[in-house]
Amino acid sequence: MKRILWVPLFLFCAIFCIKAKAEVDRNCTWNGIPLHGKVKVVKSFPDILVEVVSSFPDLKVKKVNSFADKCGEWTFVESFPDFTVKFVNSFPDIKIKYVNSFPGI
């Protein structure tokens, strides 16, 4: 009987731990990927799945043309990216909101 009670508890912990690990952390990284720099939009095999939202984002993103060295500053490129993204409408890794000022978490 005791063994049966551990199964739901284990599943809950496993789901919670996976969800907690997949969030943007205080260092402005997601799974070790810094969320600033040169970004390439791809259709397959992205580093990060991204959903653009209008409220409650994980990260506020400012598009810049050069020197994207602060949290949330992205320069979109076609070659030599720091990381790749794919824009999706559901089940994203992170949610972003485009801003003109004060990018970051």
N, C-alpha and C. Protein backbone atom coordinates (compact mmCIF):
# COMPACT_ATOMS: atom_id res chain seq x y z
N MET A 1 0.82 -1.19 0.00
CA MET A 1 0.00 0.00 0.00
C MET A 1 0.87 1.26 0.00
N LYS A 2 1.92 1.26 0.78
CA LYS A 2 2.79 2.43 0.85
C LYS A 2 3.47 2.70 -0.48
N ARG A 3 3.79 1.65 -1.22
CA ARG A 3 4.46 1.81 -2.50
C ARG A 3 3.56 2.55 -3.49
N ILE A 4 2.26 2.32 -3.44
CA ILE A 4 1.32 2.96 -4.36
C ILE A 4 1.25 4.46 -4.11
N LEU A 5 1.37 4.90 -2.88
CA LEU A 5 1.32 6.32 -2.55
C LEU A 5 2.55 7.07 -3.05
N TRP A 6 3.68 6.40 -3.18
CA TRP A 6 4.89 7.05 -3.64
C TRP A 6 4.85 7.38 -5.13
N VAL A 7 4.10 6.62 -5.90
CA VAL A 7 4.07 6.83 -7.36
C VAL A 7 3.54 8.22 -7.71
N PRO A 8 2.36 8.66 -7.21
CA PRO A 8 1.90 10.01 -7.55
C PRO A 8 2.84 11.10 -7.04
N LEU A 9 3.41 10.89 -5.87
CA LEU A 9 4.34 11.87 -5.33
C LEU A 9 5.59 11.98 -6.21
N PHE A 10 6.10 10.86 -6.65
CA PHE A 10 7.27 10.84 -7.53
C PHE A 10 6.97 11.53 -8.86
N LEU A 11 5.81 11.25 -9.45
CA LEU A 11 5.44 11.88 -10.72
C LEU A 11 5.30 13.39 -10.57
N PHE A 12 4.68 13.82 -9.47
CA PHE A 12 4.53 15.26 -9.23
C PHE A 12 5.89 15.92 -9.12
N CYS A 13 6.79 15.34 -8.37
CA CYS A 13 8.12 15.90 -8.20
C CYS A 13 8.89 15.93 -9.52
N ALA A 14 8.77 14.88 -10.31
CA ALA A 14 9.47 14.81 -11.59
C ALA A 14 8.99 15.91 -12.53
N ILE A 15 7.69 16.11 -12.59
CA ILE A 15 7.14 17.16 -13.47
C ILE A 15 7.53 18.53 -12.97
N PHE A 16 7.45 18.76 -11.67
CA PHE A 16 7.79 20.05 -11.10
C PHE A 16 9.27 20.36 -11.31
N CYS A 17 10.14 19.41 -11.11
CA CYS A 17 11.57 19.63 -11.27
C CYS A 17 11.93 19.92 -12.72
N ILE A 18 11.32 19.24 -13.67
CA ILE A 18 11.57 19.50 -15.09
C ILE A 18 11.09 20.90 -15.45
N LYS A 19 9.91 21.28 -14.99
CA LYS A 19 9.37 22.60 -15.27
C LYS A 19 10.25 23.69 -14.66
N ALA A 20 10.71 23.49 -13.45
CA ALA A 20 11.54 24.49 -12.78
C ALA A 20 12.87 24.67 -13.50
N LYS A 21 13.43 23.60 -14.03
CA LYS A 21 14.71 23.69 -14.71
C LYS A 21 14.60 24.43 -16.04
N ALA A 22 13.45 24.41 -16.67
CA ALA A 22 13.29 24.97 -18.00
C ALA A 22 12.94 26.45 -18.01
N GLU A 23 13.08 27.13 -16.89
CA GLU A 23 12.75 28.54 -16.84
C GLU A 23 13.99 29.40 -17.04
N VAL A 24 13.75 30.66 -17.38
CA VAL A 24 14.83 31.63 -17.51
C VAL A 24 15.35 31.91 -16.11
N ASP A 25 16.67 31.82 -15.90
CA ASP A 25 17.20 32.05 -14.56
C ASP A 25 17.70 33.48 -14.40
N ARG A 26 18.18 33.79 -13.22
CA ARG A 26 18.63 35.15 -12.90
C ARG A 26 19.82 35.61 -13.73
N ASN A 27 20.58 34.68 -14.25
CA ASN A 27 21.75 35.03 -15.07
C ASN A 27 21.37 35.29 -16.52
N CYS A 28 20.08 35.34 -16.80
CA CYS A 28 19.56 35.57 -18.15
C CYS A 28 20.01 34.47 -19.10
N THR A 29 19.86 33.22 -18.64
CA THR A 29 20.15 32.08 -19.48
C THR A 29 18.98 31.11 -19.45
N TRP A 30 18.92 30.30 -20.47
CA TRP A 30 17.94 29.21 -20.52
C TRP A 30 18.70 27.95 -20.89
N ASN A 31 18.74 27.00 -19.98
CA ASN A 31 19.50 25.75 -20.17
C ASN A 31 20.94 26.02 -20.59
N GLY A 32 21.56 27.03 -20.00
CA GLY A 32 22.95 27.34 -20.28
C GLY A 32 23.17 28.25 -21.48
N ILE A 33 22.12 28.63 -22.18
CA ILE A 33 22.23 29.50 -23.36
C ILE A 33 21.99 30.94 -22.92
N PRO A 34 22.98 31.83 -23.06
CA PRO A 34 22.75 33.24 -22.73
C PRO A 34 21.70 33.84 -23.65
N LEU A 35 20.74 34.54 -23.08
CA LEU A 35 19.63 35.09 -23.86
C LEU A 35 19.91 36.50 -24.35
N HIS A 36 21.07 36.66 -24.94
CA HIS A 36 21.43 37.91 -25.62
C HIS A 36 22.41 37.55 -26.73
N GLY A 37 22.51 38.42 -27.70
CA GLY A 37 23.47 38.17 -28.78
C GLY A 37 22.81 38.00 -30.12
N LYS A 38 23.50 37.28 -31.00
CA LYS A 38 23.05 37.08 -32.38
C LYS A 38 22.11 35.88 -32.44
N VAL A 39 20.94 36.09 -33.04
CA VAL A 39 19.89 35.07 -33.07
C VAL A 39 19.52 34.78 -34.52
N LYS A 40 19.39 33.50 -34.83
CA LYS A 40 18.92 33.11 -36.15
C LYS A 40 17.59 32.39 -35.99
N VAL A 41 16.61 32.76 -36.81
CA VAL A 41 15.30 32.11 -36.81
C VAL A 41 15.37 30.93 -37.76
N VAL A 42 15.02 29.74 -37.26
CA VAL A 42 15.06 28.52 -38.06
C VAL A 42 13.69 27.84 -38.03
N LYS A 43 13.49 26.92 -38.96
CA LYS A 43 12.24 26.17 -39.01
C LYS A 43 12.36 24.80 -38.38
N SER A 44 13.57 24.30 -38.22
CA SER A 44 13.75 22.98 -37.61
C SER A 44 15.02 22.96 -36.76
N PHE A 45 15.01 22.11 -35.76
CA PHE A 45 16.12 21.91 -34.83
C PHE A 45 16.60 23.20 -34.17
N PRO A 46 15.70 23.95 -33.53
CA PRO A 46 16.11 25.17 -32.84
C PRO A 46 16.73 24.86 -31.49
N ASP A 47 17.48 25.81 -30.97
CA ASP A 47 17.97 25.71 -29.60
C ASP A 47 16.84 26.01 -28.61
N ILE A 48 15.98 26.98 -28.97
CA ILE A 48 14.90 27.41 -28.08
C ILE A 48 13.61 27.60 -28.87
N LEU A 49 12.51 27.09 -28.32
CA LEU A 49 11.18 27.36 -28.88
C LEU A 49 10.64 28.61 -28.20
N VAL A 50 10.21 29.60 -28.99
CA VAL A 50 9.83 30.90 -28.46
C VAL A 50 8.40 31.24 -28.89
N GLU A 51 7.63 31.76 -27.93
CA GLU A 51 6.29 32.27 -28.22
C GLU A 51 6.28 33.76 -27.90
N VAL A 52 5.78 34.57 -28.83
CA VAL A 52 5.66 36.01 -28.60
C VAL A 52 4.31 36.27 -27.94
N VAL A 53 4.33 36.93 -26.79
CA VAL A 53 3.12 37.22 -26.04
C VAL A 53 3.03 38.72 -25.77
N SER A 54 1.86 39.17 -25.36
CA SER A 54 1.70 40.59 -25.03
C SER A 54 1.71 40.84 -23.53
N SER A 55 1.58 39.78 -22.73
CA SER A 55 1.64 39.95 -21.28
C SER A 55 2.27 38.73 -20.62
N PHE A 56 2.83 38.95 -19.45
CA PHE A 56 3.49 37.92 -18.65
C PHE A 56 4.59 37.16 -19.40
N PRO A 57 5.56 37.90 -19.98
CA PRO A 57 6.67 37.21 -20.67
C PRO A 57 7.70 36.71 -19.67
N ASP A 58 8.47 35.73 -20.10
CA ASP A 58 9.63 35.29 -19.34
C ASP A 58 10.80 36.25 -19.57
N LEU A 59 10.82 36.86 -20.76
CA LEU A 59 11.92 37.73 -21.15
C LEU A 59 11.39 38.85 -22.03
N LYS A 60 11.84 40.08 -21.75
CA LYS A 60 11.53 41.22 -22.61
C LYS A 60 12.70 41.39 -23.57
N VAL A 61 12.40 41.42 -24.87
CA VAL A 61 13.43 41.43 -25.91
C VAL A 61 13.41 42.76 -26.66
N LYS A 62 14.59 43.33 -26.82
CA LYS A 62 14.76 44.53 -27.62
C LYS A 62 15.60 44.16 -28.83
N LYS A 63 15.09 44.45 -30.03
CA LYS A 63 15.85 44.21 -31.25
C LYS A 63 16.87 45.33 -31.42
N VAL A 64 18.14 44.95 -31.58
CA VAL A 64 19.20 45.92 -31.80
C VAL A 64 19.97 45.52 -33.05
N ASN A 65 20.66 46.49 -33.64
CA ASN A 65 21.42 46.22 -34.85
C ASN A 65 22.85 45.76 -34.58
N SER A 66 23.38 46.13 -33.43
CA SER A 66 24.75 45.72 -33.09
C SER A 66 24.95 45.76 -31.58
N PHE A 67 25.99 45.09 -31.12
CA PHE A 67 26.36 45.07 -29.70
C PHE A 67 25.22 44.58 -28.81
N ALA A 68 24.71 43.42 -29.11
CA ALA A 68 23.66 42.82 -28.29
C ALA A 68 24.32 42.07 -27.14
N ASP A 69 24.82 42.83 -26.18
CA ASP A 69 25.60 42.22 -25.10
C ASP A 69 24.93 42.30 -23.73
N LYS A 70 23.71 42.80 -23.67
CA LYS A 70 22.98 42.85 -22.41
C LYS A 70 21.77 41.92 -22.47
N CYS A 71 21.30 41.53 -21.33
CA CYS A 71 20.18 40.60 -21.23
C CYS A 71 18.98 41.09 -22.03
N GLY A 72 18.48 40.24 -22.93
CA GLY A 72 17.30 40.57 -23.70
C GLY A 72 17.55 41.34 -24.98
N GLU A 73 18.77 41.68 -25.27
CA GLU A 73 19.08 42.37 -26.53
C GLU A 73 19.42 41.34 -27.58
N TRP A 74 18.68 41.34 -28.67
CA TRP A 74 18.86 40.36 -29.74
C TRP A 74 19.14 41.06 -31.06
N THR A 75 20.12 40.55 -31.79
CA THR A 75 20.39 40.97 -33.16
C THR A 75 20.08 39.77 -34.05
N PHE A 76 19.14 39.94 -34.97
CA PHE A 76 18.76 38.84 -35.85
C PHE A 76 19.72 38.77 -37.03
N VAL A 77 20.30 37.58 -37.24
CA VAL A 77 21.30 37.37 -38.28
C VAL A 77 20.94 36.14 -39.10
N GLU A 78 21.62 35.98 -40.22
CA GLU A 78 21.44 34.81 -41.08
C GLU A 78 22.59 33.82 -40.96
N SER A 79 23.73 34.28 -40.42
CA SER A 79 24.88 33.38 -40.28
C SER A 79 25.62 33.66 -38.98
N PHE A 80 26.30 32.65 -38.49
CA PHE A 80 27.09 32.71 -37.27
C PHE A 80 26.30 33.19 -36.05
N PRO A 81 25.17 32.53 -35.76
CA PRO A 81 24.38 32.95 -34.59
C PRO A 81 24.97 32.42 -33.29
N ASP A 82 24.61 33.08 -32.20
CA ASP A 82 24.95 32.56 -30.87
C ASP A 82 23.98 31.46 -30.48
N PHE A 83 22.72 31.59 -30.91
CA PHE A 83 21.73 30.54 -30.70
C PHE A 83 20.61 30.69 -31.73
N THR A 84 19.83 29.64 -31.89
CA THR A 84 18.74 29.64 -32.86
C THR A 84 17.40 29.53 -32.15
N VAL A 85 16.37 30.11 -32.77
CA VAL A 85 15.02 30.06 -32.20
C VAL A 85 14.02 29.65 -33.28
N LYS A 86 12.93 29.09 -32.84
CA LYS A 86 11.79 28.82 -33.70
C LYS A 86 10.59 29.42 -33.01
N PHE A 87 9.81 30.21 -33.74
CA PHE A 87 8.62 30.82 -33.17
C PHE A 87 7.46 29.85 -33.27
N VAL A 88 6.78 29.64 -32.15
CA VAL A 88 5.66 28.70 -32.07
C VAL A 88 4.47 29.40 -31.42
N ASN A 89 3.29 28.79 -31.56
CA ASN A 89 2.08 29.33 -30.95
C ASN A 89 1.68 28.59 -29.68
N SER A 90 2.29 27.43 -29.45
CA SER A 90 1.97 26.69 -28.24
C SER A 90 3.18 25.86 -27.80
N PHE A 91 3.20 25.52 -26.52
CA PHE A 91 4.26 24.72 -25.91
C PHE A 91 5.66 25.30 -26.14
N PRO A 92 5.87 26.59 -25.79
CA PRO A 92 7.20 27.18 -25.95
C PRO A 92 8.12 26.82 -24.80
N ASP A 93 9.41 27.00 -25.04
CA ASP A 93 10.39 26.91 -23.96
C ASP A 93 10.37 28.20 -23.15
N ILE A 94 10.32 29.34 -23.86
CA ILE A 94 10.22 30.64 -23.19
C ILE A 94 9.21 31.50 -23.93
N LYS A 95 8.66 32.48 -23.19
CA LYS A 95 7.74 33.46 -23.78
C LYS A 95 8.43 34.81 -23.75
N ILE A 96 8.37 35.51 -24.88
CA ILE A 96 9.01 36.83 -24.96
C ILE A 96 7.99 37.89 -25.32
N LYS A 97 8.37 39.13 -25.01
CA LYS A 97 7.60 40.30 -25.42
C LYS A 97 8.60 41.29 -25.98
N TYR A 98 8.32 41.83 -27.17
CA TYR A 98 9.19 42.83 -27.76
C TYR A 98 8.96 44.17 -27.09
N VAL A 99 10.05 44.85 -26.75
CA VAL A 99 9.98 46.16 -26.11
C VAL A 99 10.96 47.10 -26.81
N ASN A 100 10.74 48.41 -26.59
CA ASN A 100 11.65 49.41 -27.13
C ASN A 100 12.67 49.87 -26.09
N SER A 101 12.39 49.60 -24.83
CA SER A 101 13.31 49.97 -23.77
C SER A 101 13.20 49.00 -22.60
N PHE A 102 14.22 48.97 -21.78
CA PHE A 102 14.29 48.11 -20.61
C PHE A 102 14.10 46.62 -20.92
N PRO A 103 14.96 46.06 -21.77
CA PRO A 103 14.89 44.62 -22.02
C PRO A 103 15.41 43.84 -20.83
N GLY A 104 15.11 42.56 -20.79
CA GLY A 104 15.62 41.69 -19.73
C GLY A 104 14.51 40.91 -19.07
N ILE A 105 14.81 40.42 -17.88
CA ILE A 105 13.86 39.56 -17.15
C ILE A 105 12.82 40.42 -16.46
